[in-house]
Amino acid sequence: MEDLEQQIFEIITHSGTARSTFYDALKIAREGNIEKAHSLMSEGDHELTQAHNVQTKLITADMSGKTKISLLLIHAQDQFMTTMSEQTLIEQMISMQAEINELKNK
């Protein structure tokens, strides 16, 4: 159980760090530094990959009936999936901001 809770908290932590980094990237893009924004998006993607790796371990364990479903696990999954959705949206917003910046500089 303790190992399961630790894995759950790893998903929550990595997802939260990724989400925060994605929003930092958006803020930086709005300030005009698209290159730095892309760098931050890569950092966030690394965090999200770590969360995904832990999730994959839990799914594998669940296939052999070893995972106890809890409200905390559901919360971790929600945080992970929400962050994935926000990543997709923020990537598009950064692209749009880059286009806006180009138009402003013409």
N, C-alpha and C. Protein backbone atom coordinates (compact mmCIF):
# COMPACT_ATOMS: atom_id res chain seq x y z
N MET A 1 0.83 -1.21 0.00
CA MET A 1 0.00 0.00 0.00
C MET A 1 0.87 1.27 0.00
N GLU A 2 1.92 1.25 0.81
CA GLU A 2 2.78 2.43 0.90
C GLU A 2 3.42 2.73 -0.45
N ASP A 3 3.87 1.68 -1.15
CA ASP A 3 4.47 1.87 -2.47
C ASP A 3 3.44 2.43 -3.44
N LEU A 4 2.20 1.95 -3.37
CA LEU A 4 1.14 2.45 -4.24
C LEU A 4 0.90 3.93 -3.98
N GLU A 5 0.80 4.31 -2.71
CA GLU A 5 0.58 5.72 -2.39
C GLU A 5 1.74 6.59 -2.87
N GLN A 6 2.95 6.08 -2.74
CA GLN A 6 4.11 6.83 -3.23
C GLN A 6 4.02 7.03 -4.74
N GLN A 7 3.64 6.00 -5.46
CA GLN A 7 3.49 6.11 -6.91
C GLN A 7 2.38 7.10 -7.28
N ILE A 8 1.30 7.05 -6.54
CA ILE A 8 0.20 7.98 -6.79
C ILE A 8 0.67 9.43 -6.59
N PHE A 9 1.39 9.66 -5.50
CA PHE A 9 1.89 11.02 -5.25
C PHE A 9 2.92 11.44 -6.29
N GLU A 10 3.66 10.50 -6.84
CA GLU A 10 4.59 10.83 -7.92
C GLU A 10 3.83 11.33 -9.15
N ILE A 11 2.72 10.67 -9.47
CA ILE A 11 1.90 11.12 -10.60
C ILE A 11 1.38 12.54 -10.35
N ILE A 12 0.87 12.76 -9.15
CA ILE A 12 0.33 14.08 -8.80
C ILE A 12 1.44 15.14 -8.86
N THR A 13 2.59 14.83 -8.29
CA THR A 13 3.70 15.79 -8.25
C THR A 13 4.21 16.12 -9.64
N HIS A 14 4.48 15.10 -10.44
CA HIS A 14 5.00 15.34 -11.79
C HIS A 14 3.97 16.07 -12.66
N SER A 15 2.70 15.69 -12.51
CA SER A 15 1.65 16.36 -13.28
C SER A 15 1.53 17.83 -12.88
N GLY A 16 1.59 18.08 -11.58
CA GLY A 16 1.50 19.46 -11.09
C GLY A 16 2.68 20.31 -11.54
N THR A 17 3.86 19.73 -11.49
CA THR A 17 5.05 20.45 -11.95
C THR A 17 4.95 20.75 -13.44
N ALA A 18 4.49 19.76 -14.20
CA ALA A 18 4.33 19.96 -15.64
C ALA A 18 3.33 21.07 -15.92
N ARG A 19 2.19 21.03 -15.25
CA ARG A 19 1.15 22.04 -15.46
C ARG A 19 1.69 23.44 -15.16
N SER A 20 2.36 23.58 -14.05
CA SER A 20 2.93 24.87 -13.67
C SER A 20 3.93 25.36 -14.72
N THR A 21 4.76 24.45 -15.20
CA THR A 21 5.76 24.80 -16.21
C THR A 21 5.09 25.20 -17.52
N PHE A 22 4.02 24.51 -17.90
CA PHE A 22 3.31 24.87 -19.13
C PHE A 22 2.74 26.28 -19.03
N TYR A 23 2.16 26.62 -17.88
CA TYR A 23 1.61 27.97 -17.73
C TYR A 23 2.71 29.03 -17.66
N ASP A 24 3.86 28.67 -17.09
CA ASP A 24 5.01 29.59 -17.13
C ASP A 24 5.42 29.84 -18.58
N ALA A 25 5.41 28.78 -19.38
CA ALA A 25 5.77 28.91 -20.80
C ALA A 25 4.81 29.85 -21.52
N LEU A 26 3.53 29.72 -21.23
CA LEU A 26 2.55 30.60 -21.86
C LEU A 26 2.79 32.06 -21.46
N LYS A 27 3.07 32.28 -20.19
CA LYS A 27 3.35 33.64 -19.72
C LYS A 27 4.57 34.22 -20.43
N ILE A 28 5.62 33.42 -20.54
CA ILE A 28 6.85 33.87 -21.21
C ILE A 28 6.58 34.15 -22.69
N ALA A 29 5.76 33.32 -23.31
CA ALA A 29 5.42 33.54 -24.73
C ALA A 29 4.67 34.86 -24.89
N ARG A 30 3.77 35.14 -23.97
CA ARG A 30 3.02 36.40 -24.05
C ARG A 30 3.92 37.60 -23.85
N GLU A 31 5.03 37.38 -23.15
CA GLU A 31 6.02 38.46 -22.96
C GLU A 31 6.94 38.59 -24.17
N GLY A 32 6.80 37.67 -25.13
CA GLY A 32 7.55 37.78 -26.38
C GLY A 32 8.71 36.83 -26.57
N ASN A 33 9.01 36.00 -25.58
CA ASN A 33 10.15 35.10 -25.68
C ASN A 33 9.68 33.68 -26.05
N ILE A 34 9.42 33.49 -27.32
CA ILE A 34 8.88 32.22 -27.81
C ILE A 34 9.90 31.09 -27.64
N GLU A 35 11.16 31.38 -27.88
CA GLU A 35 12.20 30.35 -27.75
C GLU A 35 12.25 29.80 -26.32
N LYS A 36 12.22 30.68 -25.33
CA LYS A 36 12.22 30.26 -23.92
C LYS A 36 10.93 29.51 -23.61
N ALA A 37 9.83 29.92 -24.20
CA ALA A 37 8.56 29.23 -23.99
C ALA A 37 8.64 27.79 -24.47
N HIS A 38 9.25 27.59 -25.64
CA HIS A 38 9.40 26.23 -26.16
C HIS A 38 10.30 25.40 -25.24
N SER A 39 11.33 26.02 -24.71
CA SER A 39 12.22 25.33 -23.78
C SER A 39 11.46 24.89 -22.52
N LEU A 40 10.62 25.78 -22.00
CA LEU A 40 9.82 25.44 -20.83
C LEU A 40 8.81 24.34 -21.15
N MET A 41 8.24 24.37 -22.34
CA MET A 41 7.31 23.31 -22.74
C MET A 41 8.02 21.96 -22.75
N SER A 42 9.27 21.95 -23.19
CA SER A 42 10.05 20.70 -23.19
C SER A 42 10.29 20.21 -21.77
N GLU A 43 10.58 21.14 -20.86
CA GLU A 43 10.76 20.77 -19.45
C GLU A 43 9.47 20.17 -18.89
N GLY A 44 8.36 20.80 -19.19
CA GLY A 44 7.07 20.29 -18.72
C GLY A 44 6.76 18.93 -19.32
N ASP A 45 7.10 18.76 -20.58
CA ASP A 45 6.89 17.47 -21.24
C ASP A 45 7.70 16.37 -20.56
N HIS A 46 8.90 16.70 -20.13
CA HIS A 46 9.73 15.73 -19.41
C HIS A 46 9.04 15.31 -18.11
N GLU A 47 8.49 16.27 -17.39
CA GLU A 47 7.76 15.96 -16.15
C GLU A 47 6.54 15.09 -16.43
N LEU A 48 5.82 15.43 -17.49
CA LEU A 48 4.63 14.66 -17.84
C LEU A 48 5.00 13.23 -18.25
N THR A 49 6.13 13.07 -18.91
CA THR A 49 6.60 11.74 -19.28
C THR A 49 6.90 10.91 -18.03
N GLN A 50 7.47 11.55 -17.02
CA GLN A 50 7.73 10.84 -15.77
C GLN A 50 6.43 10.39 -15.12
N ALA A 51 5.43 11.25 -15.13
CA ALA A 51 4.12 10.87 -14.59
C ALA A 51 3.54 9.71 -15.39
N HIS A 52 3.69 9.77 -16.70
CA HIS A 52 3.17 8.71 -17.57
C HIS A 52 3.86 7.38 -17.29
N ASN A 53 5.16 7.42 -17.04
CA ASN A 53 5.89 6.19 -16.74
C ASN A 53 5.37 5.52 -15.46
N VAL A 54 5.09 6.33 -14.45
CA VAL A 54 4.53 5.79 -13.21
C VAL A 54 3.13 5.24 -13.47
N GLN A 55 2.34 5.97 -14.24
CA GLN A 55 0.99 5.52 -14.58
C GLN A 55 1.05 4.17 -15.29
N THR A 56 2.00 4.00 -16.20
CA THR A 56 2.14 2.74 -16.93
C THR A 56 2.44 1.59 -15.98
N LYS A 57 3.29 1.84 -14.97
CA LYS A 57 3.57 0.81 -13.97
C LYS A 57 2.30 0.41 -13.23
N LEU A 58 1.49 1.41 -12.88
CA LEU A 58 0.25 1.12 -12.16
C LEU A 58 -0.73 0.35 -13.03
N ILE A 59 -0.80 0.70 -14.30
CA ILE A 59 -1.69 -0.02 -15.22
C ILE A 59 -1.24 -1.46 -15.37
N THR A 60 0.06 -1.67 -15.47
CA THR A 60 0.60 -3.03 -15.58
C THR A 60 0.27 -3.83 -14.33
N ALA A 61 0.44 -3.22 -13.16
CA ALA A 61 0.11 -3.90 -11.91
C ALA A 61 -1.38 -4.19 -11.83
N ASP A 62 -2.19 -3.27 -12.34
CA ASP A 62 -3.64 -3.45 -12.31
C ASP A 62 -4.07 -4.63 -13.18
N MET A 63 -3.36 -4.86 -14.27
CA MET A 63 -3.70 -5.97 -15.15
C MET A 63 -3.53 -7.31 -14.45
N SER A 64 -2.68 -7.34 -13.45
CA SER A 64 -2.51 -8.57 -12.69
C SER A 64 -3.29 -8.51 -11.37
N GLY A 65 -4.19 -7.53 -11.27
CA GLY A 65 -5.08 -7.44 -10.11
C GLY A 65 -4.41 -6.95 -8.84
N LYS A 66 -3.33 -6.21 -8.96
CA LYS A 66 -2.58 -5.79 -7.78
C LYS A 66 -2.81 -4.34 -7.38
N THR A 67 -3.63 -3.61 -8.10
CA THR A 67 -3.82 -2.19 -7.79
C THR A 67 -5.14 -1.98 -7.08
N LYS A 68 -5.07 -1.30 -5.93
CA LYS A 68 -6.28 -0.96 -5.20
C LYS A 68 -6.73 0.42 -5.66
N ILE A 69 -7.95 0.49 -6.19
CA ILE A 69 -8.49 1.76 -6.65
C ILE A 69 -8.90 2.58 -5.43
N SER A 70 -8.46 3.83 -5.41
CA SER A 70 -8.80 4.72 -4.31
C SER A 70 -9.14 6.10 -4.86
N LEU A 71 -9.72 6.91 -4.02
CA LEU A 71 -10.04 8.28 -4.41
C LEU A 71 -8.76 9.03 -4.77
N LEU A 72 -7.68 8.74 -4.05
CA LEU A 72 -6.40 9.39 -4.32
C LEU A 72 -5.88 9.00 -5.71
N LEU A 73 -6.04 7.75 -6.09
CA LEU A 73 -5.62 7.31 -7.42
C LEU A 73 -6.46 7.99 -8.50
N ILE A 74 -7.74 8.10 -8.26
CA ILE A 74 -8.62 8.79 -9.22
C ILE A 74 -8.20 10.25 -9.35
N HIS A 75 -7.86 10.88 -8.23
CA HIS A 75 -7.39 12.27 -8.25
C HIS A 75 -6.10 12.38 -9.08
N ALA A 76 -5.19 11.45 -8.89
CA ALA A 76 -3.93 11.46 -9.65
C ALA A 76 -4.20 11.34 -11.14
N GLN A 77 -5.09 10.45 -11.52
CA GLN A 77 -5.43 10.27 -12.93
C GLN A 77 -6.06 11.54 -13.49
N ASP A 78 -6.91 12.17 -12.70
CA ASP A 78 -7.55 13.41 -13.13
C ASP A 78 -6.50 14.50 -13.35
N GLN A 79 -5.57 14.63 -12.42
CA GLN A 79 -4.51 15.63 -12.57
C GLN A 79 -3.67 15.38 -13.81
N PHE A 80 -3.34 14.12 -14.04
CA PHE A 80 -2.52 13.74 -15.19
C PHE A 80 -3.24 14.05 -16.51
N MET A 81 -4.48 13.63 -16.61
CA MET A 81 -5.22 13.82 -17.87
C MET A 81 -5.53 15.29 -18.12
N THR A 82 -5.84 16.03 -17.06
CA THR A 82 -6.09 17.46 -17.22
C THR A 82 -4.84 18.17 -17.71
N THR A 83 -3.70 17.80 -17.15
CA THR A 83 -2.44 18.41 -17.57
C THR A 83 -2.13 18.09 -19.03
N MET A 84 -2.44 16.87 -19.45
CA MET A 84 -2.23 16.52 -20.86
C MET A 84 -3.09 17.40 -21.77
N SER A 85 -4.33 17.62 -21.39
CA SER A 85 -5.21 18.48 -22.18
C SER A 85 -4.71 19.92 -22.22
N GLU A 86 -4.29 20.40 -21.05
CA GLU A 86 -3.79 21.77 -20.98
C GLU A 86 -2.51 21.93 -21.80
N GLN A 87 -1.67 20.90 -21.82
CA GLN A 87 -0.45 20.95 -22.63
C GLN A 87 -0.80 21.18 -24.10
N THR A 88 -1.77 20.44 -24.59
CA THR A 88 -2.18 20.57 -25.99
C THR A 88 -2.69 21.98 -26.28
N LEU A 89 -3.52 22.49 -25.40
CA LEU A 89 -4.07 23.84 -25.59
C LEU A 89 -2.98 24.91 -25.52
N ILE A 90 -2.09 24.79 -24.55
CA ILE A 90 -1.04 25.80 -24.38
C ILE A 90 -0.07 25.77 -25.55
N GLU A 91 0.22 24.59 -26.09
CA GLU A 91 1.07 24.52 -27.29
C GLU A 91 0.45 25.34 -28.43
N GLN A 92 -0.86 25.20 -28.61
CA GLN A 92 -1.55 25.96 -29.65
C GLN A 92 -1.54 27.46 -29.35
N MET A 93 -1.72 27.81 -28.08
CA MET A 93 -1.73 29.21 -27.70
C MET A 93 -0.35 29.85 -27.92
N ILE A 94 0.70 29.10 -27.66
CA ILE A 94 2.05 29.63 -27.89
C ILE A 94 2.28 29.84 -29.39
N SER A 95 1.80 28.91 -30.20
CA SER A 95 1.91 29.08 -31.66
C SER A 95 1.16 30.32 -32.12
N MET A 96 -0.03 30.51 -31.58
CA MET A 96 -0.81 31.70 -31.95
C MET A 96 -0.10 32.97 -31.48
N GLN A 97 0.49 32.92 -30.29
CA GLN A 97 1.21 34.09 -29.79
C GLN A 97 2.41 34.40 -30.67
N ALA A 98 3.09 33.38 -31.17
CA ALA A 98 4.22 33.59 -32.08
C ALA A 98 3.74 34.30 -33.35
N GLU A 99 2.58 33.88 -33.87
CA GLU A 99 2.02 34.53 -35.06
C GLU A 99 1.65 35.98 -34.76
N ILE A 100 1.07 36.22 -33.61
CA ILE A 100 0.71 37.59 -33.21
C ILE A 100 1.97 38.45 -33.13
N ASN A 101 3.00 37.90 -32.51
CA ASN A 101 4.26 38.65 -32.38
C ASN A 101 4.83 39.00 -33.74
N GLU A 102 4.77 38.05 -34.68
CA GLU A 102 5.25 38.30 -36.04
C GLU A 102 4.48 39.43 -36.70
N LEU A 103 3.16 39.39 -36.57
CA LEU A 103 2.32 40.42 -37.18
C LEU A 103 2.58 41.79 -36.56
N LYS A 104 2.82 41.83 -35.26
CA LYS A 104 3.11 43.09 -34.59
C LYS A 104 4.43 43.69 -35.07
N ASN A 105 5.36 42.83 -35.42
CA ASN A 105 6.69 43.30 -35.83
C ASN A 105 6.79 43.66 -37.30
N LYS A 106 5.71 43.52 -38.05
CA LYS A 106 5.73 43.86 -39.49
C LYS A 106 5.56 45.34 -39.68
